[in-house]
Amino acid sequence: MNKITSRDNPKLKHARRVRDGKAADEIFVEGVRLAEEALSSDTVINSVLISSNFGKNTRDAQLVRALENRGSALYEVDERLLRSIADTKNSQGVLLLCRRPDTSFSRFEQRDPKRAGGLTIFLSRVNNPANLGAILRTAEAAGVSGVIVSRNSTDAFSPRSLRASMGSALRLSIWEDAAFDDVTGWAREHGLITTAADIGADLDYAAIDWNRLRLLVFGSEAEGLSSSELAEIDEQIRIPMENGVESLNLAVSCGVILFEAKRQRSLIG
């Protein structure tokens, strides 16, 4: 195993660039759980940085062996140096630099939009990585067909978003950097009903048929969808609330609606 003892080592400098989103073709995967998720997916692992104290317990030792068997390049790094490039305050001692998954439209289009009940999510201008990651995790749990993320949104594969998704981002079909008109046009072409969550809507989210092919659209946390965007939507729905509460956290709203859709689909499944 290669050993790194200098802060100026080129591999550490590169790892910092990946961590900060400055390497377009790689992502920064940190921690034991996410490393295990990367191994269980088809993610390409380019290199692995582990602290000099890592691998002392059975789980960590098994992880190291699995990474070695995968053919990944392993580097042992002084614990202090590894902490200096970690994205978390309390690093678990293992960092992976992985090939960024293909989130192009052409790759997304290869999947069947009718799979898993035909529900696809479109997130427009979502700017909180923790929200985005939580939505991806919820989307996988609810069995959606795929997730579309618009231009001017946060990165679905940033370290914070990856941690919040608990690895779901590595398994879901995702189309990033999508233009609003392109997405709604794609939905029409495939026969999906565009359905947007909006606090001004009159239709209850539980009152529609979630067994039909749908594109579920959410706007930004702060502004929602614009009036011109809402004009392009087939249906607008709301989550009824009491006690003067006007809105829910974006990830919570998404979870409420997705699991109603899952409940309805299970009734005829």
Protein backbone atom coordinates (compact mmCIF):
# COMPACT_ATOMS: atom_id res chain seq x y z
CA MET A 1 0.00 0.00 0.00
CA ASN A 2 1.32 3.45 -0.92
CA LYS A 3 1.95 5.77 2.02
CA ILE A 4 1.38 9.52 2.04
CA THR A 5 3.12 11.63 4.69
CA SER A 6 3.23 15.11 3.11
CA ARG A 7 0.41 17.63 2.97
CA ASP A 8 1.68 18.70 -0.45
CA ASN A 9 1.33 15.23 -1.94
CA PRO A 10 -0.37 15.49 -5.40
CA LYS A 11 -2.93 12.84 -4.44
CA LEU A 12 -4.05 14.89 -1.42
CA LYS A 13 -4.21 18.06 -3.51
CA HIS A 14 -6.38 16.24 -6.03
CA ALA A 15 -8.62 14.86 -3.27
CA ARG A 16 -9.24 18.41 -2.02
CA ARG A 17 -10.26 19.46 -5.53
CA VAL A 18 -12.70 16.56 -5.76
CA ARG A 19 -14.09 17.39 -2.31
CA ASP A 20 -14.67 21.00 -3.34
CA GLY A 21 -16.44 20.04 -6.58
CA LYS A 22 -13.57 21.22 -8.79
CA ALA A 23 -13.03 17.89 -10.56
CA ALA A 24 -15.90 17.40 -12.98
CA ASP A 25 -15.41 13.68 -13.50
CA GLU A 26 -14.99 12.49 -9.88
CA ILE A 27 -16.96 12.49 -6.63
CA PHE A 28 -15.84 12.43 -2.99
CA VAL A 29 -17.27 9.50 -1.00
CA GLU A 30 -16.53 9.63 2.72
CA GLY A 31 -17.14 7.20 5.55
CA VAL A 32 -17.57 3.47 6.09
CA ARG A 33 -21.27 3.28 5.21
CA LEU A 34 -20.94 5.22 1.95
CA ALA A 35 -17.83 3.23 1.00
CA GLU A 36 -19.85 0.03 1.47
CA GLU A 37 -22.67 1.50 -0.63
CA ALA A 38 -20.20 2.37 -3.39
CA LEU A 39 -18.89 -1.19 -3.35
CA SER A 40 -22.39 -2.64 -3.59
CA SER A 41 -23.24 -0.43 -6.60
CA ASP A 42 -21.64 -0.25 -10.03
CA THR A 43 -19.72 2.87 -9.00
CA VAL A 44 -16.17 2.97 -10.37
CA ILE A 45 -13.76 3.51 -7.45
CA ASN A 46 -10.59 5.20 -8.70
CA SER A 47 -8.63 5.45 -5.47
CA VAL A 48 -8.98 5.01 -1.72
CA LEU A 49 -7.40 7.03 1.08
CA ILE A 50 -7.38 5.41 4.54
CA SER A 51 -5.90 6.64 7.79
CA SER A 52 -2.97 4.83 9.37
CA ASN A 53 -5.29 3.69 12.20
CA PHE A 54 -8.08 2.40 9.95
CA GLY A 55 -8.92 -1.29 9.75
CA LYS A 56 -8.59 -2.15 13.43
CA ASN A 57 -12.07 -3.64 13.77
CA THR A 58 -13.64 -6.46 11.78
CA ARG A 59 -15.97 -4.29 9.69
CA ASP A 60 -13.20 -1.91 8.65
CA ALA A 61 -10.81 -4.76 7.86
CA GLN A 62 -13.46 -6.42 5.67
CA LEU A 63 -13.99 -3.12 3.87
CA VAL A 64 -10.27 -2.77 3.14
CA ARG A 65 -10.12 -6.32 1.75
CA ALA A 66 -13.19 -5.69 -0.41
CA LEU A 67 -11.65 -2.49 -1.80
CA GLU A 68 -8.41 -4.33 -2.53
CA ASN A 69 -10.33 -7.10 -4.29
CA ARG A 70 -12.13 -4.45 -6.35
CA GLY A 71 -8.73 -3.44 -7.71
CA SER A 72 -8.82 0.10 -6.29
CA ALA A 73 -5.56 1.95 -5.66
CA LEU A 74 -5.13 2.25 -1.88
CA TYR A 75 -3.15 4.94 -0.08
CA GLU A 76 -2.36 5.01 3.63
CA VAL A 77 -2.43 8.58 4.92
CA ASP A 78 -1.28 10.01 8.22
CA GLU A 79 -4.42 10.44 10.35
CA ARG A 80 -3.84 14.17 10.85
CA LEU A 81 -3.46 14.70 7.11
CA LEU A 82 -6.58 12.69 6.34
CA ARG A 83 -8.60 14.82 8.76
CA SER A 84 -7.39 17.91 6.89
CA ILE A 85 -9.07 16.81 3.65
CA ALA A 86 -12.18 15.19 5.14
CA ASP A 87 -15.55 16.92 4.65
CA THR A 88 -16.81 15.86 8.10
CA LYS A 89 -15.66 17.04 11.52
CA ASN A 90 -15.11 13.49 12.78
CA SER A 91 -13.69 11.51 9.90
CA GLN A 92 -14.11 7.72 10.05
CA GLY A 93 -10.75 7.30 8.33
CA VAL A 94 -11.75 6.24 4.82
CA LEU A 95 -12.26 8.38 1.69
CA LEU A 96 -13.02 7.21 -1.84
CA LEU A 97 -12.47 9.13 -5.07
CA CYS A 98 -14.97 7.68 -7.53
CA ARG A 99 -15.94 8.24 -11.13
CA ARG A 100 -18.93 10.56 -11.29
CA PRO A 101 -22.06 8.67 -12.38
CA ASP A 102 -23.46 9.49 -15.81
CA THR A 103 -26.38 11.87 -15.26
CA SER A 104 -26.85 12.89 -18.89
CA PHE A 105 -30.24 12.87 -20.58
CA SER A 106 -29.12 10.13 -22.97
CA ARG A 107 -28.32 7.80 -20.06
CA PHE A 108 -31.52 8.73 -18.21
CA GLU A 109 -33.57 8.06 -21.34
CA GLN A 110 -32.32 4.48 -21.46
CA ARG A 111 -34.44 3.52 -18.47
CA ASP A 112 -38.16 2.73 -18.69
CA PRO A 113 -40.20 5.73 -17.41
CA LYS A 114 -43.10 3.34 -16.72
CA ARG A 115 -41.06 1.29 -14.26
CA ALA A 116 -42.08 1.29 -10.60
CA GLY A 117 -45.53 2.68 -11.23
CA GLY A 118 -44.34 5.32 -13.65
CA LEU A 119 -43.55 8.09 -11.15
CA THR A 120 -40.65 10.42 -11.91
CA ILE A 121 -39.60 13.40 -9.74
CA PHE A 122 -38.45 16.75 -11.10
CA LEU A 123 -36.67 19.13 -8.69
CA SER A 124 -36.41 22.67 -10.01
CA ARG A 125 -33.72 24.96 -8.54
CA VAL A 126 -33.28 23.02 -5.31
CA ASN A 127 -30.35 24.65 -3.53
CA ASN A 128 -30.00 22.79 -0.21
CA PRO A 129 -27.77 19.69 -0.54
CA ALA A 130 -29.21 18.10 2.61
CA ASN A 131 -32.73 18.46 1.19
CA LEU A 132 -31.69 17.05 -2.16
CA GLY A 133 -29.95 14.08 -0.57
CA ALA A 134 -32.92 13.36 1.68
CA ILE A 135 -35.28 13.48 -1.31
CA LEU A 136 -33.09 11.03 -3.22
CA ARG A 137 -33.14 8.63 -0.28
CA THR A 138 -36.93 8.96 0.03
CA ALA A 139 -37.38 8.56 -3.71
CA GLU A 140 -35.51 5.27 -3.71
CA ALA A 141 -37.47 4.04 -0.68
CA ALA A 142 -40.75 4.94 -2.39
CA GLY A 143 -39.73 3.18 -5.60
CA VAL A 144 -39.69 6.04 -8.08
CA SER A 145 -38.62 5.51 -11.67
CA GLY A 146 -36.05 8.31 -11.69
CA VAL A 147 -35.15 11.82 -10.49
CA ILE A 148 -34.55 14.92 -12.62
CA VAL A 149 -32.60 17.88 -11.19
CA SER A 150 -32.78 21.24 -12.95
CA ARG A 151 -30.10 23.69 -13.89
CA ASN A 152 -29.06 26.07 -11.10
CA SER A 153 -29.64 23.36 -8.49
CA THR A 154 -27.17 22.02 -5.97
CA ASP A 155 -24.99 19.06 -6.93
CA ALA A 156 -26.63 15.68 -6.28
CA PHE A 157 -23.16 14.22 -5.71
CA SER A 158 -21.64 16.82 -3.41
CA PRO A 159 -20.27 15.27 -0.19
CA ARG A 160 -23.14 16.67 1.89
CA SER A 161 -25.83 15.52 -0.53
CA LEU A 162 -24.28 12.06 -0.81
CA ARG A 163 -24.28 11.66 2.97
CA ALA A 164 -27.91 12.73 3.18
CA SER A 165 -28.89 10.29 0.43
CA MET A 166 -27.14 7.43 2.28
CA GLY A 167 -25.96 6.05 -1.05
CA SER A 168 -29.25 6.32 -2.95
CA ALA A 169 -27.66 8.81 -5.37
CA LEU A 170 -25.32 6.02 -6.50
CA ARG A 171 -28.20 3.74 -7.48
CA LEU A 172 -30.99 5.97 -8.80
CA SER A 173 -31.43 7.04 -12.41
CA ILE A 174 -30.70 10.79 -12.30
CA TRP A 175 -30.79 13.44 -15.02
CA GLU A 176 -28.97 16.62 -13.93
CA ASP A 177 -28.68 20.12 -15.38
CA ALA A 178 -32.08 19.81 -17.06
CA ALA A 179 -33.98 22.76 -18.55
CA PHE A 180 -37.60 23.15 -17.39
CA ASP A 181 -39.04 23.17 -20.92
CA ASP A 182 -37.00 20.13 -21.92
CA VAL A 183 -38.35 18.18 -18.94
CA THR A 184 -42.00 19.06 -19.49
CA GLY A 185 -41.59 18.29 -23.19
CA TRP A 186 -40.08 14.91 -22.33
CA ALA A 187 -43.00 14.22 -19.97
CA ARG A 188 -45.57 14.99 -22.67
CA GLU A 189 -43.73 12.81 -25.16
CA HIS A 190 -43.90 9.86 -22.78
CA GLY A 191 -47.48 10.43 -21.65
CA LEU A 192 -46.71 11.57 -18.10
CA ILE A 193 -49.13 13.92 -16.33
CA THR A 194 -47.16 16.86 -14.92
CA THR A 195 -48.19 17.37 -11.29
CA ALA A 196 -46.76 20.16 -9.15
CA ALA A 197 -46.86 20.68 -5.41
CA ASP A 198 -47.90 24.28 -4.70
CA ILE A 199 -49.26 25.92 -1.55
CA GLY A 200 -51.83 27.82 -3.61
CA ALA A 201 -53.39 24.73 -5.16
CA ASP A 202 -56.93 23.58 -4.36
CA LEU A 203 -56.54 19.86 -5.10
CA ASP A 204 -55.60 17.56 -2.21
CA TYR A 205 -52.51 15.42 -2.92
CA ALA A 206 -54.39 12.28 -1.80
CA ALA A 207 -57.36 12.95 -4.10
CA ILE A 208 -55.60 12.12 -7.37
CA ASP A 209 -54.82 8.75 -8.94
CA TRP A 210 -51.15 7.99 -8.37
CA ASN A 211 -51.36 4.83 -10.45
CA ARG A 212 -51.26 6.95 -13.61
CA LEU A 213 -47.93 7.94 -15.19
CA ARG A 214 -46.82 11.17 -13.55
CA LEU A 215 -43.99 13.68 -13.35
CA LEU A 216 -44.07 15.11 -9.80
CA VAL A 217 -42.56 18.62 -9.81
CA PHE A 218 -41.19 20.61 -6.86
CA GLY A 219 -39.85 24.15 -6.98
CA SER A 220 -37.11 25.75 -4.90
CA GLU A 221 -37.27 25.84 -1.12
CA ALA A 222 -37.56 29.63 -1.04
CA GLU A 223 -39.63 30.49 -4.11
CA GLY A 224 -41.40 27.37 -5.37
CA LEU A 225 -42.32 27.43 -9.06
CA SER A 226 -42.85 30.63 -11.03
CA SER A 227 -46.25 31.53 -12.48
CA SER A 228 -44.99 30.81 -15.98
CA GLU A 229 -43.75 27.39 -14.89
CA LEU A 230 -47.03 26.57 -13.14
CA ALA A 231 -48.84 27.46 -16.36
CA GLU A 232 -47.03 24.54 -18.02
CA ILE A 233 -48.21 22.05 -15.38
CA ASP A 234 -51.26 19.81 -15.88
CA GLU A 235 -52.27 19.54 -12.21
CA GLN A 236 -51.39 21.40 -9.03
CA ILE A 237 -51.74 19.75 -5.62
CA ARG A 238 -51.32 20.75 -2.00
CA ILE A 239 -50.82 19.10 1.37
CA PRO A 240 -53.60 20.28 3.74
CA MET A 241 -52.22 21.71 6.98
CA GLU A 242 -53.67 23.03 10.22
CA ASN A 243 -52.86 25.61 12.89
CA GLY A 244 -51.82 28.27 10.42
CA VAL A 245 -48.80 26.38 9.12
CA GLU A 246 -48.24 27.47 5.52
CA SER A 247 -45.61 25.05 4.28
CA LEU A 248 -43.40 22.07 5.10
CA ASN A 249 -39.73 21.44 4.53
CA LEU A 250 -39.20 20.41 0.90
CA ALA A 251 -37.91 16.93 1.72
CA VAL A 252 -40.80 16.35 4.14
CA SER A 253 -43.37 17.46 1.56
CA CYS A 254 -41.82 15.17 -1.00
CA GLY A 255 -41.92 12.25 1.44
CA VAL A 256 -45.57 12.80 2.32
CA ILE A 257 -46.64 12.79 -1.33
CA LEU A 258 -44.37 9.94 -2.44
CA PHE A 259 -45.62 7.58 0.21
CA GLU A 260 -49.23 8.36 -0.60
CA ALA A 261 -48.38 7.42 -4.18
CA LYS A 262 -46.70 4.25 -2.93
CA ARG A 263 -49.74 3.42 -0.78
CA GLN A 264 -52.10 3.78 -3.72
CA ARG A 265 -49.91 1.68 -6.00
CA SER A 266 -49.68 -1.09 -3.39
CA LEU A 267 -53.48 -1.34 -3.27
CA ILE A 268 -53.57 -2.67 -6.82
CA GLY A 269 -50.11 -4.20 -6.89
